[in-house]
């Protein structure tokens, strides 16, 4: 399947072409801005070093997207999903986690936000 053509970086005034929203140079700036000014401050409490360790251990034990695997498709894990979101009382316990590829995670996230 052919790749999507590159588009201009969305950072105002940047002429670079990229396959993502922002070029390499501006990706970190936008991420920093989002984390500092737009993201809920409680997120850092929920997703700190402890979460990163739990996530890494879970990925080692479940290296394939669990939803794709049910369809006999082997895709590597890109996200670890909380079945019950932390904001709604979920935990980092293994029974509340699911390893997913980006497309499956996006699909679940959109489905959960509309219900």
N, C-alpha and C. Protein backbone atom coordinates (compact mmCIF):
# COMPACT_ATOMS: atom_id res chain seq x y z
N UNK A 1 0.84 -1.17 0.00
CA UNK A 1 0.00 0.00 0.00
C UNK A 1 0.89 1.25 0.00
N UNK A 2 0.63 2.21 -0.87
CA UNK A 2 1.49 3.40 -0.94
C UNK A 2 1.35 4.27 0.31
N UNK A 3 2.44 4.97 0.62
CA UNK A 3 2.43 5.87 1.77
C UNK A 3 1.63 7.13 1.44
N UNK A 4 1.08 7.73 2.46
CA UNK A 4 0.38 9.00 2.34
C UNK A 4 1.43 10.07 2.07
N UNK A 5 1.14 11.04 1.19
CA UNK A 5 2.15 12.07 0.90
C UNK A 5 2.42 12.94 2.12
N UNK A 6 3.63 13.46 2.19
CA UNK A 6 4.01 14.32 3.30
C UNK A 6 3.22 15.63 3.23
N UNK A 7 2.95 16.19 4.41
CA UNK A 7 2.23 17.46 4.48
C UNK A 7 3.06 18.44 5.31
N UNK A 8 2.76 19.73 5.20
CA UNK A 8 3.54 20.71 5.96
C UNK A 8 3.36 20.53 7.46
N UNK A 9 4.40 20.83 8.20
CA UNK A 9 4.35 20.83 9.66
C UNK A 9 3.29 21.82 10.11
N UNK A 10 2.50 21.49 11.12
CA UNK A 10 1.42 22.37 11.58
C UNK A 10 1.89 23.51 12.48
N UNK A 11 3.18 23.51 12.80
CA UNK A 11 3.72 24.59 13.61
C UNK A 11 3.77 25.85 12.75
N UNK A 12 3.21 26.93 13.26
CA UNK A 12 3.07 28.16 12.47
C UNK A 12 4.41 28.62 11.89
N UNK A 13 4.45 28.76 10.57
CA UNK A 13 5.63 29.27 9.88
C UNK A 13 6.69 28.23 9.54
N UNK A 14 6.50 26.98 9.88
CA UNK A 14 7.50 25.95 9.59
C UNK A 14 7.27 25.40 8.18
N UNK A 15 8.31 25.41 7.34
CA UNK A 15 8.16 24.93 5.96
C UNK A 15 8.43 23.43 5.78
N UNK A 16 8.84 22.74 6.86
CA UNK A 16 9.21 21.33 6.74
C UNK A 16 8.02 20.45 6.37
N UNK A 17 8.28 19.41 5.57
CA UNK A 17 7.26 18.42 5.24
C UNK A 17 7.44 17.23 6.16
N UNK A 18 6.32 16.65 6.60
CA UNK A 18 6.37 15.53 7.55
C UNK A 18 5.23 14.55 7.29
N UNK A 19 5.38 13.34 7.79
CA UNK A 19 4.33 12.34 7.67
C UNK A 19 3.37 12.41 8.86
N UNK A 20 3.74 13.17 9.89
CA UNK A 20 2.92 13.31 11.08
C UNK A 20 2.44 14.76 11.18
N UNK A 21 1.84 15.14 12.32
CA UNK A 21 1.34 16.51 12.47
C UNK A 21 2.47 17.54 12.48
N UNK A 22 3.54 17.20 13.21
CA UNK A 22 4.64 18.13 13.39
C UNK A 22 5.95 17.51 12.94
N UNK A 23 6.88 18.36 12.49
CA UNK A 23 8.20 17.87 12.12
C UNK A 23 8.95 17.47 13.39
N UNK A 24 10.06 16.82 13.21
CA UNK A 24 10.86 16.33 14.34
C UNK A 24 11.21 17.47 15.30
N UNK A 25 11.56 18.62 14.75
CA UNK A 25 11.99 19.77 15.53
C UNK A 25 10.86 20.30 16.43
N UNK A 26 9.63 20.31 15.93
CA UNK A 26 8.52 20.91 16.66
C UNK A 26 7.67 19.92 17.45
N UNK A 27 7.89 18.64 17.25
CA UNK A 27 7.10 17.61 17.94
C UNK A 27 7.30 17.72 19.46
N UNK A 28 8.54 17.89 19.91
CA UNK A 28 8.82 17.99 21.34
C UNK A 28 8.25 19.28 21.92
N UNK A 29 8.34 20.38 21.17
CA UNK A 29 7.79 21.65 21.65
C UNK A 29 6.28 21.55 21.87
N UNK A 30 5.58 20.98 20.90
CA UNK A 30 4.13 20.84 21.01
C UNK A 30 3.75 19.90 22.14
N UNK A 31 4.50 18.82 22.30
CA UNK A 31 4.23 17.88 23.37
C UNK A 31 4.42 18.55 24.73
N UNK A 32 5.50 19.33 24.87
CA UNK A 32 5.77 20.06 26.11
C UNK A 32 4.65 21.05 26.39
N UNK A 33 4.23 21.81 25.38
CA UNK A 33 3.15 22.79 25.53
C UNK A 33 1.86 22.11 25.98
N UNK A 34 1.52 21.01 25.32
CA UNK A 34 0.30 20.27 25.67
C UNK A 34 0.36 19.78 27.11
N UNK A 35 1.46 19.16 27.48
CA UNK A 35 1.59 18.61 28.83
C UNK A 35 1.56 19.70 29.90
N UNK A 36 2.13 20.86 29.60
CA UNK A 36 2.22 21.92 30.60
C UNK A 36 0.93 22.72 30.73
N UNK A 37 0.26 23.01 29.60
CA UNK A 37 -0.86 23.94 29.65
C UNK A 37 -2.25 23.33 29.39
N UNK A 38 -2.33 22.21 28.72
CA UNK A 38 -3.63 21.67 28.36
C UNK A 38 -4.01 20.39 29.08
N UNK A 39 -3.04 19.62 29.50
CA UNK A 39 -3.32 18.33 30.14
C UNK A 39 -3.71 18.54 31.60
N UNK A 40 -4.62 17.73 32.07
CA UNK A 40 -5.07 17.76 33.46
C UNK A 40 -3.88 17.52 34.38
N UNK A 41 -3.64 18.41 35.37
CA UNK A 41 -2.47 18.24 36.26
C UNK A 41 -2.48 16.92 37.03
N UNK A 42 -3.65 16.36 37.30
CA UNK A 42 -3.73 15.09 38.02
C UNK A 42 -3.19 13.92 37.21
N UNK A 43 -3.03 14.12 35.90
CA UNK A 43 -2.52 13.06 35.03
C UNK A 43 -1.14 12.61 35.49
N UNK A 44 -0.30 13.55 35.90
CA UNK A 44 1.04 13.18 36.34
C UNK A 44 1.02 12.30 37.57
N UNK A 45 0.04 12.53 38.43
CA UNK A 45 -0.09 11.69 39.63
C UNK A 45 -0.47 10.26 39.23
N UNK A 46 -1.32 10.14 38.23
CA UNK A 46 -1.81 8.82 37.81
C UNK A 46 -0.82 8.09 36.90
N UNK A 47 -0.06 8.84 36.09
CA UNK A 47 0.82 8.22 35.11
C UNK A 47 2.28 8.58 35.35
N UNK A 48 2.78 8.33 36.52
CA UNK A 48 4.16 8.63 36.87
C UNK A 48 5.09 7.44 36.60
N UNK A 49 6.21 7.42 37.32
CA UNK A 49 7.21 6.35 37.16
C UNK A 49 6.63 4.97 37.49
N UNK A 50 5.76 4.92 38.49
CA UNK A 50 5.16 3.64 38.86
C UNK A 50 4.39 3.06 37.68
N UNK A 51 3.59 3.92 37.00
CA UNK A 51 2.82 3.46 35.85
C UNK A 51 3.74 2.99 34.73
N UNK A 52 4.82 3.70 34.48
CA UNK A 52 5.74 3.31 33.41
C UNK A 52 6.33 1.93 33.67
N UNK A 53 6.66 1.63 34.92
CA UNK A 53 7.19 0.30 35.26
C UNK A 53 6.12 -0.78 35.07
N UNK A 54 4.91 -0.51 35.54
CA UNK A 54 3.81 -1.46 35.38
C UNK A 54 3.55 -1.71 33.90
N UNK A 55 3.54 -0.64 33.11
CA UNK A 55 3.29 -0.73 31.67
C UNK A 55 4.34 -1.60 30.98
N UNK A 56 5.60 -1.36 31.30
CA UNK A 56 6.68 -2.14 30.68
C UNK A 56 6.57 -3.63 31.02
N UNK A 57 6.27 -3.93 32.28
CA UNK A 57 6.11 -5.33 32.68
C UNK A 57 4.92 -5.97 31.96
N UNK A 58 3.84 -5.23 31.82
CA UNK A 58 2.65 -5.76 31.15
C UNK A 58 2.94 -6.02 29.67
N UNK A 59 3.68 -5.12 29.04
CA UNK A 59 4.02 -5.30 27.62
C UNK A 59 4.92 -6.52 27.44
N UNK A 60 5.84 -6.76 28.38
CA UNK A 60 6.70 -7.96 28.29
C UNK A 60 5.85 -9.23 28.35
N UNK A 61 4.83 -9.23 29.18
CA UNK A 61 3.98 -10.41 29.32
C UNK A 61 2.96 -10.54 28.19
N UNK A 62 2.55 -9.40 27.59
CA UNK A 62 1.54 -9.38 26.53
C UNK A 62 2.06 -8.55 25.36
N UNK A 63 2.97 -9.09 24.54
CA UNK A 63 3.62 -8.31 23.49
C UNK A 63 2.78 -8.10 22.22
N UNK A 64 1.59 -8.71 22.16
CA UNK A 64 0.75 -8.63 20.96
C UNK A 64 -0.58 -7.98 21.32
N UNK A 65 -1.14 -7.19 20.41
CA UNK A 65 -2.45 -6.57 20.62
C UNK A 65 -3.49 -7.66 20.91
N UNK A 66 -4.15 -7.53 22.05
CA UNK A 66 -5.09 -8.57 22.49
C UNK A 66 -6.33 -8.65 21.61
N UNK A 67 -6.82 -7.54 21.07
CA UNK A 67 -8.00 -7.58 20.20
C UNK A 67 -7.65 -8.16 18.83
N UNK A 68 -6.52 -7.78 18.29
CA UNK A 68 -6.09 -8.32 16.98
C UNK A 68 -5.80 -9.82 17.10
N UNK A 69 -5.23 -10.22 18.22
CA UNK A 69 -4.88 -11.62 18.42
C UNK A 69 -6.13 -12.50 18.39
N UNK A 70 -7.25 -11.97 18.88
CA UNK A 70 -8.52 -12.72 18.83
C UNK A 70 -8.96 -12.99 17.40
N UNK A 71 -8.52 -12.12 16.47
CA UNK A 71 -8.86 -12.29 15.04
C UNK A 71 -7.72 -12.99 14.28
N UNK A 72 -6.78 -13.56 15.01
CA UNK A 72 -5.59 -14.23 14.45
C UNK A 72 -4.70 -13.28 13.66
N UNK A 73 -4.62 -12.05 14.11
CA UNK A 73 -3.72 -11.05 13.52
C UNK A 73 -2.68 -10.72 14.59
N UNK A 74 -1.43 -10.74 14.21
CA UNK A 74 -0.36 -10.45 15.18
C UNK A 74 0.18 -9.04 14.94
N UNK A 75 -0.17 -8.12 15.83
CA UNK A 75 0.33 -6.75 15.77
C UNK A 75 1.01 -6.44 17.08
N UNK A 76 2.15 -5.76 17.05
CA UNK A 76 2.85 -5.44 18.30
C UNK A 76 2.08 -4.41 19.13
N UNK A 77 2.28 -4.46 20.41
CA UNK A 77 1.62 -3.54 21.34
C UNK A 77 2.21 -2.15 21.19
N UNK A 78 1.34 -1.15 21.19
CA UNK A 78 1.77 0.24 21.18
C UNK A 78 1.20 1.00 22.37
N UNK A 79 0.08 0.50 22.90
CA UNK A 79 -0.60 1.17 24.02
C UNK A 79 -1.02 0.13 25.05
N UNK A 80 -1.07 0.54 26.31
CA UNK A 80 -1.66 -0.30 27.34
C UNK A 80 -2.89 0.46 27.82
N UNK A 81 -4.04 -0.17 27.67
CA UNK A 81 -5.34 0.45 27.90
C UNK A 81 -5.90 0.05 29.26
N UNK A 82 -6.47 1.02 29.97
CA UNK A 82 -7.19 0.73 31.21
C UNK A 82 -8.63 0.43 30.82
N UNK A 83 -9.12 -0.75 31.14
CA UNK A 83 -10.48 -1.15 30.80
C UNK A 83 -11.47 -0.23 31.52
N UNK A 84 -11.30 -0.07 32.82
CA UNK A 84 -12.04 0.94 33.57
C UNK A 84 -11.08 2.11 33.76
N UNK A 85 -11.37 3.27 33.18
CA UNK A 85 -10.44 4.40 33.26
C UNK A 85 -10.12 4.79 34.70
N UNK A 86 -8.92 5.29 34.90
CA UNK A 86 -8.50 5.72 36.24
C UNK A 86 -9.42 6.81 36.77
N UNK A 87 -9.88 7.68 35.88
CA UNK A 87 -10.76 8.78 36.28
C UNK A 87 -12.11 8.26 36.79
N UNK A 88 -12.46 7.04 36.43
CA UNK A 88 -13.73 6.45 36.87
C UNK A 88 -13.52 5.35 37.91
N UNK A 89 -12.39 5.38 38.58
CA UNK A 89 -12.14 4.44 39.67
C UNK A 89 -11.35 3.20 39.28
N UNK A 90 -10.84 3.13 38.06
CA UNK A 90 -10.03 2.00 37.65
C UNK A 90 -8.67 2.02 38.33
N UNK A 91 -7.95 0.91 38.20
CA UNK A 91 -6.63 0.80 38.83
C UNK A 91 -5.60 0.35 37.80
N UNK A 92 -4.34 0.28 38.24
CA UNK A 92 -3.25 -0.23 37.40
C UNK A 92 -3.11 -1.74 37.54
N UNK A 93 -4.05 -2.41 38.18
CA UNK A 93 -3.96 -3.85 38.37
C UNK A 93 -4.09 -4.57 37.04
N UNK A 94 -3.42 -5.71 36.93
CA UNK A 94 -3.34 -6.45 35.67
C UNK A 94 -4.71 -6.78 35.07
N UNK A 95 -5.69 -7.08 35.90
CA UNK A 95 -7.01 -7.45 35.38
C UNK A 95 -7.76 -6.25 34.77
N UNK A 96 -7.24 -5.03 35.00
CA UNK A 96 -7.84 -3.83 34.41
C UNK A 96 -7.05 -3.32 33.21
N UNK A 97 -6.04 -4.06 32.77
CA UNK A 97 -5.20 -3.62 31.66
C UNK A 97 -5.40 -4.48 30.42
N UNK A 98 -5.14 -3.87 29.26
CA UNK A 98 -5.25 -4.59 28.00
C UNK A 98 -4.20 -4.01 27.04
N UNK A 99 -3.40 -4.88 26.41
CA UNK A 99 -2.39 -4.41 25.47
C UNK A 99 -3.05 -4.29 24.09
N UNK A 100 -2.82 -3.14 23.44
CA UNK A 100 -3.48 -2.84 22.17
C UNK A 100 -2.53 -2.17 21.19
N UNK A 101 -2.84 -2.32 19.90
CA UNK A 101 -2.15 -1.53 18.87
C UNK A 101 -2.83 -0.15 18.84
N UNK A 102 -2.24 0.80 18.14
CA UNK A 102 -2.79 2.16 18.12
C UNK A 102 -4.21 2.21 17.56
N UNK A 103 -4.47 1.48 16.48
CA UNK A 103 -5.79 1.56 15.86
C UNK A 103 -6.88 0.99 16.78
N UNK A 104 -6.61 -0.13 17.43
CA UNK A 104 -7.58 -0.71 18.37
C UNK A 104 -7.79 0.22 19.57
N UNK A 105 -6.72 0.82 20.07
CA UNK A 105 -6.84 1.74 21.20
C UNK A 105 -7.67 2.95 20.82
N UNK A 106 -7.44 3.49 19.64
CA UNK A 106 -8.23 4.63 19.18
C UNK A 106 -9.70 4.26 19.06
N UNK A 107 -9.97 3.11 18.50
CA UNK A 107 -11.34 2.66 18.32
C UNK A 107 -12.06 2.53 19.66
N UNK A 108 -11.40 1.93 20.65
CA UNK A 108 -11.99 1.76 21.98
C UNK A 108 -12.19 3.11 22.65
N UNK A 109 -11.21 3.98 22.54
CA UNK A 109 -11.29 5.29 23.17
C UNK A 109 -12.46 6.10 22.62
N UNK A 110 -12.64 6.09 21.32
CA UNK A 110 -13.76 6.82 20.69
C UNK A 110 -15.08 6.19 21.12
N UNK A 111 -15.17 4.88 21.12
CA UNK A 111 -16.40 4.20 21.53
C UNK A 111 -16.76 4.53 22.98
N UNK A 112 -15.76 4.58 23.86
CA UNK A 112 -16.01 4.88 25.27
C UNK A 112 -16.38 6.34 25.49
N UNK A 113 -15.86 7.24 24.67
CA UNK A 113 -16.15 8.66 24.87
C UNK A 113 -17.53 9.03 24.36
N UNK A 114 -18.09 8.25 23.43
CA UNK A 114 -19.43 8.56 22.91
C UNK A 114 -20.52 7.92 23.75
N UNK A 115 -20.18 6.96 24.58
CA UNK A 115 -21.23 6.31 25.39
C UNK A 115 -21.36 6.92 26.76
